[in-house]
Amino acid sequence: MIRLFVGLGNPGPEYEATRHNAGFWWVEALAAELGARFAPERSYQALVARVNGKAGRAGEGGPVWLLEPMTFMNRSGVSVAGLARFFKIEPRQILVVHDELDLQPGQAKLKLGGSVAGHNGLKDVHGMLGTLDFWRLRLGIGHPGVKAEVSNYVLKRPSADHREAITKAIEQSLTAAPLMMAGDMDKALARVHAGPQRAHKPAPPAAPVPPDVPAKPAVPRKETE
């Protein structure tokens, strides 16, 4: 079961709406859904929210933690590892939510382990935990197309269309959160990867039935002599 939900991002109003803060957007949406409030915790250099176990929400009833590191992206692992070690949370009980260049806006992928793919926040979490064996939720932000532009791209605001697509991906993937908290990661994977439900096309209207046409009276045949 997931006991620690981590959103990656940078602190400060100047970064709040940038692509690199997609992880913050997700964990803040989860906090709103659970009725949790973030509070600063100096011990972990982070904003932290605690949710006590609820039936169907937190599996066996233990507390669930939500975390936003306030260390800036490249030192995110300090907060994650600090809280995880204090509360004896195993790496496989951690979900790190982050922006993903290799996915298009509107896409989300859930995975366990794997490469950090150049993401500085993931690099530091890996380094501080000493393992890659933690869950990640990758929120697509798209790629600028040129590697040299990546640093500026992630620190800029997405277009209105892209922000809307990312928001929809967040809403869809949030529906898997109760499954994650209950420890049913197979169903959580299926829920995240299913994507939004497509609206069914309405059935075409039935063709109108023509009114009955009265039969023409038979014309009597003339008998020949």
C-alpha atoms as a PDB file:
ATOM      1  CA  MET A   1       0.000   0.000   0.000  1.00  0.00           C
ATOM      2  CA  ILE A   2       1.126   3.579  -0.596  1.00  0.00           C
ATOM      3  CA  ARG A   3       1.743   5.386   2.694  1.00  0.00           C
ATOM      4  CA  LEU A   4       3.608   8.414   1.357  1.00  0.00           C
ATOM      5  CA  PHE A   5       2.486  10.492  -1.641  1.00  0.00           C
ATOM      6  CA  VAL A   6       5.173  12.907  -2.837  1.00  0.00           C
ATOM      7  CA  GLY A   7       4.644  15.696  -5.341  1.00  0.00           C
ATOM      8  CA  LEU A   8       7.805  17.119  -6.897  1.00  0.00           C
ATOM      9  CA  GLY A   9       8.159  20.792  -7.724  1.00  0.00           C
ATOM     10  CA  ASN A  10       9.819  24.058  -6.787  1.00  0.00           C
ATOM     11  CA  PRO A  11       8.642  26.356  -3.966  1.00  0.00           C
ATOM     12  CA  GLY A  12       7.601  29.951  -4.522  1.00  0.00           C
ATOM     13  CA  PRO A  13       4.883  31.774  -6.492  1.00  0.00           C
ATOM     14  CA  GLU A  14       7.172  32.260  -9.499  1.00  0.00           C
ATOM     15  CA  TYR A  15       7.233  28.484 -10.053  1.00  0.00           C
ATOM     16  CA  GLU A  16       3.699  27.637  -8.984  1.00  0.00           C
ATOM     17  CA  ALA A  17       2.167  27.428 -12.469  1.00  0.00           C
ATOM     18  CA  THR A  18       5.207  26.032 -14.323  1.00  0.00           C
ATOM     19  CA  ARG A  19       5.379  22.588 -15.943  1.00  0.00           C
ATOM     20  CA  HIS A  20       7.997  21.377 -13.445  1.00  0.00           C
ATOM     21  CA  ASN A  21       5.398  21.734 -10.663  1.00  0.00           C
ATOM     22  CA  ALA A  22       2.940  19.203 -12.071  1.00  0.00           C
ATOM     23  CA  GLY A  23       3.724  16.909  -9.140  1.00  0.00           C
ATOM     24  CA  PHE A  24       2.655  19.648  -6.708  1.00  0.00           C
ATOM     25  CA  TRP A  25      -0.592  20.094  -8.663  1.00  0.00           C
ATOM     26  CA  TRP A  26      -1.376  16.396  -8.279  1.00  0.00           C
ATOM     27  CA  VAL A  27      -0.662  16.056  -4.558  1.00  0.00           C
ATOM     28  CA  GLU A  28      -2.554  19.294  -3.819  1.00  0.00           C
ATOM     29  CA  ALA A  29      -5.562  17.907  -5.685  1.00  0.00           C
ATOM     30  CA  LEU A  30      -5.319  14.723  -3.603  1.00  0.00           C
ATOM     31  CA  ALA A  31      -5.161  16.770  -0.389  1.00  0.00           C
ATOM     32  CA  ALA A  32      -8.293  18.666  -1.419  1.00  0.00           C
ATOM     33  CA  GLU A  33     -10.083  15.398  -2.166  1.00  0.00           C
ATOM     34  CA  LEU A  34      -9.133  13.929   1.222  1.00  0.00           C
ATOM     35  CA  GLY A  35      -9.837  17.119   3.164  1.00  0.00           C
ATOM     36  CA  ALA A  36      -6.185  17.366   4.265  1.00  0.00           C
ATOM     37  CA  ARG A  37      -4.214  20.554   4.883  1.00  0.00           C
ATOM     38  CA  PHE A  38      -0.509  21.072   4.339  1.00  0.00           C
ATOM     39  CA  ALA A  39       1.590  22.557   7.120  1.00  0.00           C
ATOM     40  CA  PRO A  40       5.303  23.411   7.112  1.00  0.00           C
ATOM     41  CA  GLU A  41       7.548  20.860   8.833  1.00  0.00           C
ATOM     42  CA  ARG A  42      11.059  22.156   9.415  1.00  0.00           C
ATOM     43  CA  SER A  43      12.322  18.674  10.275  1.00  0.00           C
ATOM     44  CA  TYR A  44      11.690  17.538   6.695  1.00  0.00           C
ATOM     45  CA  GLN A  45      12.067  20.912   4.926  1.00  0.00           C
ATOM     46  CA  ALA A  46       8.663  20.334   3.390  1.00  0.00           C
ATOM     47  CA  LEU A  47       4.943  20.967   3.479  1.00  0.00           C
ATOM     48  CA  VAL A  48       3.318  17.903   5.008  1.00  0.00           C
ATOM     49  CA  ALA A  49      -0.264  16.686   5.396  1.00  0.00           C
ATOM     50  CA  ARG A  50      -1.396  13.653   7.353  1.00  0.00           C
ATOM     51  CA  VAL A  51      -4.552  11.680   6.636  1.00  0.00           C
ATOM     52  CA  ASN A  52      -5.692   9.172   9.219  1.00  0.00           C
ATOM     53  CA  GLY A  53      -6.852   5.792   7.955  1.00  0.00           C
ATOM     54  CA  LYS A  54     -10.375   5.562   6.620  1.00  0.00           C
ATOM     55  CA  ALA A  55     -12.258   2.500   5.526  1.00  0.00           C
ATOM     56  CA  GLY A  56     -11.638   1.908   1.857  1.00  0.00           C
ATOM     57  CA  ARG A  57      -9.132   4.733   1.753  1.00  0.00           C
ATOM     58  CA  ALA A  58      -6.019   3.870   3.679  1.00  0.00           C
ATOM     59  CA  GLY A  59      -6.003   0.117   3.562  1.00  0.00           C
ATOM     60  CA  GLU A  60      -5.390  -1.223   7.046  1.00  0.00           C
ATOM     61  CA  GLY A  61      -6.207   2.087   8.697  1.00  0.00           C
ATOM     62  CA  GLY A  62      -2.700   3.517   9.188  1.00  0.00           C
ATOM     63  CA  PRO A  63      -1.901   7.154   8.474  1.00  0.00           C
ATOM     64  CA  VAL A  64      -1.102   8.335   4.959  1.00  0.00           C
ATOM     65  CA  TRP A  65       1.329  11.189   4.378  1.00  0.00           C
ATOM     66  CA  LEU A  66       1.330  13.827   1.625  1.00  0.00           C
ATOM     67  CA  LEU A  67       4.584  15.668   1.013  1.00  0.00           C
ATOM     68  CA  GLU A  68       5.764  18.690  -0.991  1.00  0.00           C
ATOM     69  CA  PRO A  69       9.537  19.210  -0.619  1.00  0.00           C
ATOM     70  CA  MET A  70      10.458  22.874  -0.137  1.00  0.00           C
ATOM     71  CA  THR A  71      14.120  22.220  -0.941  1.00  0.00           C
ATOM     72  CA  PHE A  72      13.875  22.964  -4.676  1.00  0.00           C
ATOM     73  CA  MET A  73      13.751  20.134  -7.175  1.00  0.00           C
ATOM     74  CA  ASN A  74      17.353  18.931  -7.084  1.00  0.00           C
ATOM     75  CA  ARG A  75      17.263  18.339  -3.294  1.00  0.00           C
ATOM     76  CA  SER A  76      13.847  16.674  -3.087  1.00  0.00           C
ATOM     77  CA  GLY A  77      15.303  13.471  -1.663  1.00  0.00           C
ATOM     78  CA  VAL A  78      16.215  15.198   1.613  1.00  0.00           C
ATOM     79  CA  SER A  79      12.526  15.635   2.458  1.00  0.00           C
ATOM     80  CA  VAL A  80      11.394  12.279   1.108  1.00  0.00           C
ATOM     81  CA  ALA A  81      14.038  10.190   2.831  1.00  0.00           C
ATOM     82  CA  GLY A  82      13.775  12.139   6.091  1.00  0.00           C
ATOM     83  CA  LEU A  83      10.052  11.530   6.528  1.00  0.00           C
ATOM     84  CA  ALA A  84      10.167   7.963   5.199  1.00  0.00           C
ATOM     85  CA  ARG A  85      12.895   6.919   7.620  1.00  0.00           C
ATOM     86  CA  PHE A  86      11.299   8.563  10.635  1.00  0.00           C
ATOM     87  CA  PHE A  87       7.944   6.833  10.059  1.00  0.00           C
ATOM     88  CA  LYS A  88       9.528   3.589   8.823  1.00  0.00           C
ATOM     89  CA  ILE A  89       7.953   3.814   5.362  1.00  0.00           C
ATOM     90  CA  GLU A  90       9.458   1.366   2.863  1.00  0.00           C
ATOM     91  CA  PRO A  91      10.460   2.563  -0.638  1.00  0.00           C
ATOM     92  CA  ARG A  92       7.692   0.465  -2.208  1.00  0.00           C
ATOM     93  CA  GLN A  93       5.195   2.346  -0.031  1.00  0.00           C
ATOM     94  CA  ILE A  94       6.191   5.653  -1.634  1.00  0.00           C
ATOM     95  CA  LEU A  95       4.628   7.231  -4.739  1.00  0.00           C
ATOM     96  CA  VAL A  96       6.550  10.110  -6.328  1.00  0.00           C
ATOM     97  CA  VAL A  97       4.499  12.212  -8.751  1.00  0.00           C
ATOM     98  CA  HIS A  98       6.473  14.238 -11.290  1.00  0.00           C
ATOM     99  CA  ASP A  99       6.428  15.934 -14.684  1.00  0.00           C
ATOM    100  CA  GLU A 100       7.448  13.768 -17.646  1.00  0.00           C
ATOM    101  CA  LEU A 101       8.944  15.129 -20.869  1.00  0.00           C
ATOM    102  CA  ASP A 102       8.528  11.836 -22.744  1.00  0.00           C
ATOM    103  CA  LEU A 103       4.731  11.837 -22.408  1.00  0.00           C
ATOM    104  CA  GLN A 104       2.317  14.210 -24.082  1.00  0.00           C
ATOM    105  CA  PRO A 105       0.111  16.524 -22.004  1.00  0.00           C
ATOM    106  CA  GLY A 106      -2.964  14.529 -21.012  1.00  0.00           C
ATOM    107  CA  GLN A 107      -1.043  11.270 -20.563  1.00  0.00           C
ATOM    108  CA  ALA A 108      -0.168   9.676 -17.218  1.00  0.00           C
ATOM    109  CA  LYS A 109       1.776   6.487 -16.510  1.00  0.00           C
ATOM    110  CA  LEU A 110       2.275   4.582 -13.265  1.00  0.00           C
ATOM    111  CA  LYS A 111       5.385   2.439 -12.785  1.00  0.00           C
ATOM    112  CA  LEU A 112       7.577   0.833 -10.145  1.00  0.00           C
ATOM    113  CA  GLY A 113      11.310   1.511 -10.381  1.00  0.00           C
ATOM    114  CA  GLY A 114      13.126   2.179 -13.627  1.00  0.00           C
ATOM    115  CA  SER A 115      15.510   4.874 -14.806  1.00  0.00           C
ATOM    116  CA  VAL A 116      15.326   8.442 -13.518  1.00  0.00           C
ATOM    117  CA  ALA A 117      15.718   9.598 -17.160  1.00  0.00           C
ATOM    118  CA  GLY A 118      17.594  12.768 -16.297  1.00  0.00           C
ATOM    119  CA  HIS A 119      14.959  14.114 -13.890  1.00  0.00           C
ATOM    120  CA  ASN A 120      16.856  15.961 -11.145  1.00  0.00           C
ATOM    121  CA  GLY A 121      14.159  15.436  -8.542  1.00  0.00           C
ATOM    122  CA  LEU A 122      14.078  11.685  -9.127  1.00  0.00           C
ATOM    123  CA  LYS A 123      17.874  11.573  -9.120  1.00  0.00           C
ATOM    124  CA  ASP A 124      18.004  13.039  -5.633  1.00  0.00           C
ATOM    125  CA  VAL A 125      15.185  10.832  -4.307  1.00  0.00           C
ATOM    126  CA  HIS A 126      17.099   7.834  -5.655  1.00  0.00           C
ATOM    127  CA  GLY A 127      20.316   9.017  -4.081  1.00  0.00           C
ATOM    128  CA  MET A 128      18.803   9.688  -0.658  1.00  0.00           C
ATOM    129  CA  LEU A 129      16.711   6.509  -0.517  1.00  0.00           C
ATOM    130  CA  GLY A 130      19.547   4.409  -1.924  1.00  0.00           C
ATOM    131  CA  THR A 131      17.193   2.544  -4.245  1.00  0.00           C
ATOM    132  CA  LEU A 132      15.054   2.985  -7.363  1.00  0.00           C
ATOM    133  CA  ASP A 133      12.448   0.624  -5.918  1.00  0.00           C
ATOM    134  CA  PHE A 134       9.713   3.230  -5.388  1.00  0.00           C
ATOM    135  CA  TRP A 135       6.556   3.999  -7.355  1.00  0.00           C
ATOM    136  CA  ARG A 136       6.334   6.919  -9.775  1.00  0.00           C
ATOM    137  CA  LEU A 137       3.376   8.596 -11.423  1.00  0.00           C
ATOM    138  CA  ARG A 138       4.572  10.330 -14.583  1.00  0.00           C
ATOM    139  CA  LEU A 139       2.463  13.282 -15.743  1.00  0.00           C
ATOM    140  CA  GLY A 140       3.091  14.176 -19.384  1.00  0.00           C
ATOM    141  CA  ILE A 141       4.107  17.755 -20.155  1.00  0.00           C
ATOM    142  CA  GLY A 142       5.453  17.197 -23.678  1.00  0.00           C
ATOM    143  CA  HIS A 143       8.943  17.939 -25.016  1.00  0.00           C
ATOM    144  CA  PRO A 144      10.172  21.180 -26.601  1.00  0.00           C
ATOM    145  CA  GLY A 145      11.809  19.140 -29.363  1.00  0.00           C
ATOM    146  CA  VAL A 146      15.341  20.365 -28.693  1.00  0.00           C
ATOM    147  CA  LYS A 147      17.329  19.068 -25.719  1.00  0.00           C
ATOM    148  CA  ALA A 148      19.032  22.421 -25.143  1.00  0.00           C
ATOM    149  CA  GLU A 149      15.632  24.044 -24.507  1.00  0.00           C
ATOM    150  CA  VAL A 150      14.468  21.585 -21.835  1.00  0.00           C
ATOM    151  CA  SER A 151      15.640  23.623 -18.819  1.00  0.00           C
ATOM    152  CA  ASN A 152      13.715  26.710 -19.916  1.00  0.00           C
ATOM    153  CA  TYR A 153      10.735  24.682 -21.110  1.00  0.00           C
ATOM    154  CA  VAL A 154      10.024  22.989 -17.763  1.00  0.00           C
ATOM    155  CA  LEU A 155      10.230  26.312 -15.920  1.00  0.00           C
ATOM    156  CA  LYS A 156       7.630  27.976 -18.128  1.00  0.00           C
ATOM    157  CA  ARG A 157       3.864  27.833 -17.937  1.00  0.00           C
ATOM    158  CA  PRO A 158       2.121  25.422 -20.285  1.00  0.00           C
ATOM    159  CA  SER A 159      -0.303  26.755 -22.853  1.00  0.00           C
ATOM    160  CA  ALA A 160      -3.960  26.860 -21.866  1.00  0.00           C
ATOM    161  CA  ASP A 161      -4.681  23.732 -23.933  1.00  0.00           C
ATOM    162  CA  HIS A 162      -1.778  21.832 -22.390  1.00  0.00           C
ATOM    163  CA  ARG A 163      -2.725  22.904 -18.856  1.00  0.00           C
ATOM    164  CA  GLU A 164      -6.266  21.692 -19.429  1.00  0.00           C
ATOM    165  CA  ALA A 165      -4.965  18.344 -20.718  1.00  0.00           C
ATOM    166  CA  ILE A 166      -2.650  17.943 -17.711  1.00  0.00           C
ATOM    167  CA  THR A 167      -5.506  18.791 -15.357  1.00  0.00           C
ATOM    168  CA  LYS A 168      -7.664  16.094 -16.942  1.00  0.00           C
ATOM    169  CA  ALA A 169      -4.841  13.564 -16.555  1.00  0.00           C
ATOM    170  CA  ILE A 170      -4.549  14.533 -12.886  1.00  0.00           C
ATOM    171  CA  GLU A 171      -8.278  14.094 -12.354  1.00  0.00           C
ATOM    172  CA  GLN A 172      -8.264  10.701 -14.056  1.00  0.00           C
ATOM    173  CA  SER A 173      -5.225   9.368 -12.206  1.00  0.00           C
ATOM    174  CA  LEU A 174      -6.573  10.578  -8.856  1.00  0.00           C
ATOM    175  CA  THR A 175      -9.346   8.007  -9.159  1.00  0.00           C
ATOM    176  CA  ALA A 176      -6.649   5.368  -8.600  1.00  0.00           C
ATOM    177  CA  ALA A 177      -5.521   6.880  -5.269  1.00  0.00           C
ATOM    178  CA  PRO A 178      -7.928   4.829  -3.101  1.00  0.00           C
ATOM    179  CA  LEU A 179      -6.634   1.660  -4.796  1.00  0.00           C
ATOM    180  CA  MET A 180      -3.045   2.687  -4.086  1.00  0.00           C
ATOM    181  CA  MET A 181      -3.841   3.344  -0.430  1.00  0.00           C
ATOM    182  CA  ALA A 182      -5.537  -0.029  -0.206  1.00  0.00           C
ATOM    183  CA  GLY A 183      -2.484  -1.735  -1.715  1.00  0.00           C
ATOM    184  CA  ASP A 184      -4.179  -2.909  -4.895  1.00  0.00           C
ATOM    185  CA  MET A 185      -1.493  -1.670  -7.274  1.00  0.00           C
ATOM    186  CA  ASP A 186      -2.550  -3.915 -10.164  1.00  0.00           C
ATOM    187  CA  LYS A 187      -5.976  -2.295 -10.237  1.00  0.00           C
ATOM    188  CA  ALA A 188      -4.388   1.119  -9.748  1.00  0.00           C
ATOM    189  CA  LEU A 189      -2.188   0.526 -12.803  1.00  0.00           C
ATOM    190  CA  ALA A 190      -5.198  -0.470 -14.857  1.00  0.00           C
ATOM    191  CA  ARG A 191      -7.157   2.575 -13.690  1.00  0.00           C
ATOM    192  CA  VAL A 192      -4.387   5.063 -14.488  1.00  0.00           C
ATOM    193  CA  HIS A 193      -3.591   3.552 -17.863  1.00  0.00           C
ATOM    194  CA  ALA A 194      -7.228   3.272 -18.897  1.00  0.00           C
ATOM    195  CA  GLY A 195      -7.325   7.025 -19.437  1.00  0.00           C
ATOM    196  CA  PRO A 196     -10.530   9.047 -19.502  1.00  0.00           C
ATOM    197  CA  GLN A 197     -13.672   7.297 -20.579  1.00  0.00           C
ATOM    198  CA  ARG A 198     -14.651   8.135 -24.103  1.00  0.00           C
ATOM    199  CA  ALA A 199     -18.184   9.265 -24.687  1.00  0.00           C
ATOM    200  CA  HIS A 200     -20.211   6.789 -26.660  1.00  0.00           C
ATOM    201  CA  LYS A 201     -21.479   8.028 -29.988  1.00  0.00           C
ATOM    202  CA  PRO A 202     -25.252   8.318 -29.957  1.00  0.00           C
ATOM    203  CA  ALA A 203     -27.035   5.773 -32.071  1.00  0.00           C
ATOM    204  CA  PRO A 204     -28.261   7.203 -35.364  1.00  0.00           C
ATOM    205  CA  PRO A 205     -31.983   7.994 -35.343  1.00  0.00           C
ATOM    206  CA  ALA A 206     -34.215   5.331 -36.810  1.00  0.00           C
ATOM    207  CA  ALA A 207     -35.420   6.004 -40.332  1.00  0.00           C
ATOM    208  CA  PRO A 208     -38.996   7.329 -40.365  1.00  0.00           C
ATOM    209  CA  VAL A 209     -41.610   4.741 -41.233  1.00  0.00           C
ATOM    210  CA  PRO A 210     -43.529   5.861 -44.320  1.00  0.00           C
ATOM    211  CA  PRO A 211     -47.286   6.074 -43.850  1.00  0.00           C
ATOM    212  CA  ASP A 212     -49.384   3.259 -45.273  1.00  0.00           C
ATOM    213  CA  VAL A 213     -50.337   4.001 -48.860  1.00  0.00           C
ATOM    214  CA  PRO A 214     -53.843   2.803 -49.666  1.00  0.00           C
ATOM    215  CA  ALA A 215     -53.920   0.208 -52.395  1.00  0.00           C
ATOM    216  CA  LYS A 216     -55.305   1.336 -55.702  1.00  0.00           C
ATOM    217  CA  PRO A 217     -58.684  -0.280 -56.611  1.00  0.00           C
ATOM    218  CA  ALA A 218     -58.416  -2.987 -59.189  1.00  0.00           C
ATOM    219  CA  VAL A 219     -59.509  -2.018 -62.669  1.00  0.00           C
ATOM    220  CA  PRO A 220     -62.065  -4.544 -64.077  1.00  0.00           C
ATOM    221  CA  ARG A 221     -60.882  -6.292 -67.214  1.00  0.00           C
ATOM    222  CA  LYS A 222     -63.077  -6.126 -70.307  1.00  0.00           C
ATOM    223  CA  GLU A 223     -64.073  -9.459 -71.737  1.00  0.00           C
ATOM    224  CA  THR A 224     -63.506  -9.892 -75.432  1.00  0.00           C
ATOM    225  CA  GLU A 225     -66.131 -11.525 -77.599  1.00  0.00           C
END
